[in-house]
Amino acid sequence: MDKKFWISVGITFVLLGIMEPLVNVFILGSDWELLLLQSVTRAEYKFLVFYVVYLFMAFGLTFIYSKGHEGSGVGEGIRFGFYMSL
C-alpha cells in the first residue's frame, strides 16, 4: 500500500462525508423527517460513529478497487459493484 492508495482513501473518505448528507437532506429529506424527529435525543451520540464507518468504507472501497483494477471495461465495473453490494 503506497502513498497513492492512502491519498485515494482520504479522498474517498472526504467524498463520502460530503455526499451522504447531501443525499439524505436533499433527496431523501422528506422520508427521513419522521424518523429523525423520533430519534433526536440519541442522534448526537451516533454522529461520530458515521465518520468511523466512512473511514472503513473508504478503505474497503479503495482496497477492493485497487486489487481488482485490470482495465477490462464493463465486466470489471460489474464485479466491483457486486463486491460493493456485499
N, C-alpha and C. Protein backbone atom coordinates (compact mmCIF):
# COMPACT_ATOMS: atom_id res chain seq x y z
N MET A 1 0.84 -1.17 0.00
CA MET A 1 0.00 0.00 0.00
C MET A 1 0.89 1.24 0.00
N ASP A 2 0.84 1.90 -1.10
CA ASP A 2 1.70 3.04 -1.29
C ASP A 2 0.99 4.35 -0.98
N LYS A 3 1.69 5.43 -1.24
CA LYS A 3 1.16 6.77 -0.96
C LYS A 3 -0.11 7.05 -1.77
N LYS A 4 -0.14 6.59 -3.00
CA LYS A 4 -1.29 6.80 -3.88
C LYS A 4 -2.54 6.14 -3.29
N PHE A 5 -2.38 4.97 -2.70
CA PHE A 5 -3.50 4.27 -2.07
C PHE A 5 -4.08 5.09 -0.92
N TRP A 6 -3.21 5.59 -0.05
CA TRP A 6 -3.69 6.34 1.12
C TRP A 6 -4.29 7.69 0.74
N ILE A 7 -3.80 8.29 -0.33
CA ILE A 7 -4.42 9.52 -0.83
C ILE A 7 -5.82 9.21 -1.34
N SER A 8 -5.96 8.09 -2.03
CA SER A 8 -7.28 7.68 -2.53
C SER A 8 -8.24 7.39 -1.38
N VAL A 9 -7.75 6.77 -0.31
CA VAL A 9 -8.59 6.53 0.87
C VAL A 9 -9.06 7.86 1.45
N GLY A 10 -8.16 8.81 1.56
CA GLY A 10 -8.52 10.13 2.10
C GLY A 10 -9.55 10.86 1.24
N ILE A 11 -9.36 10.82 -0.07
CA ILE A 11 -10.31 11.48 -0.97
C ILE A 11 -11.67 10.79 -0.90
N THR A 12 -11.68 9.47 -0.86
CA THR A 12 -12.94 8.73 -0.75
C THR A 12 -13.64 9.04 0.55
N PHE A 13 -12.89 9.14 1.64
CA PHE A 13 -13.46 9.47 2.95
C PHE A 13 -14.12 10.85 2.92
N VAL A 14 -13.44 11.82 2.32
CA VAL A 14 -14.00 13.17 2.23
C VAL A 14 -15.26 13.18 1.37
N LEU A 15 -15.22 12.49 0.23
CA LEU A 15 -16.39 12.45 -0.65
C LEU A 15 -17.57 11.75 0.02
N LEU A 16 -17.32 10.69 0.76
CA LEU A 16 -18.40 10.04 1.50
C LEU A 16 -19.00 10.99 2.53
N GLY A 17 -18.15 11.72 3.21
CA GLY A 17 -18.62 12.67 4.21
C GLY A 17 -19.42 13.81 3.63
N ILE A 18 -19.12 14.19 2.38
CA ILE A 18 -19.85 15.27 1.73
C ILE A 18 -21.14 14.76 1.08
N MET A 19 -21.06 13.64 0.39
CA MET A 19 -22.20 13.14 -0.38
C MET A 19 -23.33 12.59 0.49
N GLU A 20 -23.00 11.95 1.60
CA GLU A 20 -24.04 11.34 2.44
C GLU A 20 -25.04 12.36 2.96
N PRO A 21 -24.59 13.48 3.54
CA PRO A 21 -25.57 14.46 3.99
C PRO A 21 -26.37 15.08 2.83
N LEU A 22 -25.72 15.29 1.70
CA LEU A 22 -26.42 15.86 0.55
C LEU A 22 -27.55 14.94 0.08
N VAL A 23 -27.25 13.66 0.00
CA VAL A 23 -28.26 12.71 -0.44
C VAL A 23 -29.38 12.62 0.59
N ASN A 24 -29.02 12.53 1.86
CA ASN A 24 -30.04 12.36 2.89
C ASN A 24 -30.88 13.61 3.12
N VAL A 25 -30.33 14.78 2.91
CA VAL A 25 -31.09 16.01 3.14
C VAL A 25 -31.91 16.39 1.92
N PHE A 26 -31.29 16.42 0.75
CA PHE A 26 -31.97 16.94 -0.43
C PHE A 26 -32.80 15.90 -1.17
N ILE A 27 -32.33 14.67 -1.23
CA ILE A 27 -33.06 13.66 -1.99
C ILE A 27 -34.01 12.86 -1.09
N LEU A 28 -33.54 12.46 0.07
CA LEU A 28 -34.35 11.64 0.96
C LEU A 28 -34.89 12.40 2.16
N GLY A 29 -34.82 13.71 2.14
CA GLY A 29 -35.19 14.53 3.28
C GLY A 29 -36.58 14.29 3.81
N SER A 30 -37.56 14.22 2.93
CA SER A 30 -38.93 14.04 3.40
C SER A 30 -39.14 12.64 3.98
N ASP A 31 -38.42 11.66 3.47
CA ASP A 31 -38.55 10.30 4.00
C ASP A 31 -37.91 10.15 5.38
N TRP A 32 -36.82 10.89 5.61
CA TRP A 32 -36.11 10.81 6.88
C TRP A 32 -36.72 11.69 7.96
N GLU A 33 -37.56 12.63 7.59
CA GLU A 33 -38.08 13.62 8.53
C GLU A 33 -38.73 12.98 9.76
N LEU A 34 -39.65 12.07 9.54
CA LEU A 34 -40.34 11.42 10.66
C LEU A 34 -39.39 10.60 11.51
N LEU A 35 -38.47 9.90 10.87
CA LEU A 35 -37.53 9.06 11.60
C LEU A 35 -36.61 9.90 12.46
N LEU A 36 -36.12 11.01 11.91
CA LEU A 36 -35.20 11.86 12.67
C LEU A 36 -35.88 12.56 13.83
N LEU A 37 -37.11 12.96 13.67
CA LEU A 37 -37.81 13.63 14.76
C LEU A 37 -38.03 12.70 15.94
N GLN A 38 -38.14 11.41 15.66
CA GLN A 38 -38.36 10.45 16.74
C GLN A 38 -37.08 10.10 17.48
N SER A 39 -35.94 10.26 16.83
CA SER A 39 -34.69 9.83 17.46
C SER A 39 -33.69 10.96 17.65
N VAL A 40 -34.15 12.18 17.86
CA VAL A 40 -33.25 13.32 18.02
C VAL A 40 -32.42 13.21 19.29
N THR A 41 -32.96 12.63 20.32
CA THR A 41 -32.26 12.60 21.60
C THR A 41 -30.98 11.77 21.54
N ARG A 42 -30.92 10.74 20.72
CA ARG A 42 -29.73 9.90 20.67
C ARG A 42 -28.85 10.20 19.47
N ALA A 43 -29.24 11.13 18.62
CA ALA A 43 -28.51 11.41 17.38
C ALA A 43 -27.10 11.91 17.64
N GLU A 44 -26.91 12.72 18.67
CA GLU A 44 -25.58 13.29 18.90
C GLU A 44 -24.56 12.23 19.30
N TYR A 45 -25.00 11.11 19.86
CA TYR A 45 -24.08 10.04 20.22
C TYR A 45 -23.67 9.22 19.01
N LYS A 46 -24.52 9.16 18.02
CA LYS A 46 -24.25 8.35 16.84
C LYS A 46 -23.50 9.13 15.77
N PHE A 47 -23.35 10.41 15.92
CA PHE A 47 -22.76 11.26 14.90
C PHE A 47 -21.32 10.86 14.58
N LEU A 48 -20.51 10.62 15.57
CA LEU A 48 -19.11 10.26 15.35
C LEU A 48 -18.96 8.85 14.78
N VAL A 49 -19.91 7.99 15.05
CA VAL A 49 -19.86 6.63 14.53
C VAL A 49 -19.91 6.65 13.00
N PHE A 50 -20.66 7.60 12.43
CA PHE A 50 -20.74 7.70 10.98
C PHE A 50 -19.35 7.89 10.36
N TYR A 51 -18.54 8.73 10.96
CA TYR A 51 -17.22 9.00 10.39
C TYR A 51 -16.28 7.81 10.52
N VAL A 52 -16.44 7.02 11.56
CA VAL A 52 -15.66 5.78 11.68
C VAL A 52 -16.08 4.81 10.58
N VAL A 53 -17.38 4.71 10.36
CA VAL A 53 -17.89 3.84 9.29
C VAL A 53 -17.42 4.35 7.93
N TYR A 54 -17.44 5.65 7.71
CA TYR A 54 -16.96 6.21 6.44
C TYR A 54 -15.49 5.87 6.22
N LEU A 55 -14.71 5.90 7.28
CA LEU A 55 -13.29 5.57 7.16
C LEU A 55 -13.11 4.11 6.74
N PHE A 56 -13.85 3.20 7.36
CA PHE A 56 -13.78 1.79 6.98
C PHE A 56 -14.29 1.57 5.55
N MET A 57 -15.36 2.27 5.19
CA MET A 57 -15.89 2.16 3.83
C MET A 57 -14.88 2.68 2.82
N ALA A 58 -14.24 3.81 3.11
CA ALA A 58 -13.25 4.37 2.19
C ALA A 58 -12.09 3.41 2.01
N PHE A 59 -11.63 2.81 3.09
CA PHE A 59 -10.54 1.85 3.00
C PHE A 59 -10.97 0.63 2.17
N GLY A 60 -12.15 0.10 2.47
CA GLY A 60 -12.64 -1.08 1.76
C GLY A 60 -12.86 -0.83 0.28
N LEU A 61 -13.51 0.28 -0.06
CA LEU A 61 -13.74 0.62 -1.46
C LEU A 61 -12.43 0.77 -2.22
N THR A 62 -11.50 1.49 -1.63
CA THR A 62 -10.23 1.72 -2.29
C THR A 62 -9.42 0.43 -2.42
N PHE A 63 -9.45 -0.39 -1.39
CA PHE A 63 -8.70 -1.65 -1.41
C PHE A 63 -9.25 -2.59 -2.47
N ILE A 64 -10.56 -2.77 -2.50
CA ILE A 64 -11.16 -3.66 -3.48
C ILE A 64 -10.92 -3.15 -4.90
N TYR A 65 -11.05 -1.85 -5.10
CA TYR A 65 -10.82 -1.30 -6.43
C TYR A 65 -9.36 -1.45 -6.85
N SER A 66 -8.44 -1.16 -5.93
CA SER A 66 -7.02 -1.22 -6.30
C SER A 66 -6.56 -2.65 -6.57
N LYS A 67 -7.12 -3.63 -5.90
CA LYS A 67 -6.73 -5.02 -6.13
C LYS A 67 -7.42 -5.62 -7.34
N GLY A 68 -8.58 -5.11 -7.71
CA GLY A 68 -9.32 -5.68 -8.82
C GLY A 68 -9.25 -4.89 -10.10
N HIS A 69 -8.51 -3.79 -10.12
CA HIS A 69 -8.44 -2.93 -11.31
C HIS A 69 -7.55 -3.57 -12.36
N GLU A 70 -8.17 -3.96 -13.47
CA GLU A 70 -7.43 -4.57 -14.57
C GLU A 70 -7.60 -3.78 -15.86
N GLY A 71 -8.51 -2.81 -15.88
CA GLY A 71 -8.76 -2.05 -17.09
C GLY A 71 -9.53 -2.84 -18.13
N SER A 72 -10.36 -3.78 -17.68
CA SER A 72 -11.05 -4.68 -18.62
C SER A 72 -12.44 -4.20 -19.01
N GLY A 73 -12.86 -3.04 -18.54
CA GLY A 73 -14.12 -2.47 -19.01
C GLY A 73 -15.32 -2.79 -18.15
N VAL A 74 -16.43 -3.11 -18.81
CA VAL A 74 -17.73 -3.26 -18.16
C VAL A 74 -17.73 -4.40 -17.16
N GLY A 75 -17.09 -5.50 -17.49
CA GLY A 75 -17.04 -6.65 -16.58
C GLY A 75 -16.40 -6.30 -15.25
N GLU A 76 -15.37 -5.50 -15.32
CA GLU A 76 -14.70 -5.05 -14.10
C GLU A 76 -15.62 -4.18 -13.25
N GLY A 77 -16.38 -3.31 -13.90
CA GLY A 77 -17.34 -2.46 -13.18
C GLY A 77 -18.44 -3.26 -12.54
N ILE A 78 -18.92 -4.28 -13.23
CA ILE A 78 -19.96 -5.16 -12.67
C ILE A 78 -19.41 -5.92 -11.47
N ARG A 79 -18.19 -6.42 -11.59
CA ARG A 79 -17.57 -7.14 -10.47
C ARG A 79 -17.37 -6.22 -9.26
N PHE A 80 -16.91 -5.00 -9.50
CA PHE A 80 -16.72 -4.04 -8.42
C PHE A 80 -18.06 -3.72 -7.75
N GLY A 81 -19.10 -3.51 -8.53
CA GLY A 81 -20.45 -3.27 -7.98
C GLY A 81 -20.95 -4.46 -7.17
N PHE A 82 -20.66 -5.65 -7.62
CA PHE A 82 -21.06 -6.85 -6.88
C PHE A 82 -20.36 -6.91 -5.53
N TYR A 83 -19.06 -6.67 -5.53
CA TYR A 83 -18.32 -6.68 -4.26
C TYR A 83 -18.81 -5.60 -3.32
N MET A 84 -19.17 -4.44 -3.84
CA MET A 84 -19.66 -3.36 -3.00
C MET A 84 -21.03 -3.68 -2.43
N SER A 85 -21.83 -4.45 -3.16
CA SER A 85 -23.15 -4.80 -2.64
C SER A 85 -23.05 -5.81 -1.50
N LEU A 86 -21.94 -6.54 -1.44
CA LEU A 86 -21.77 -7.49 -0.32
C LEU A 86 -21.47 -6.74 0.94
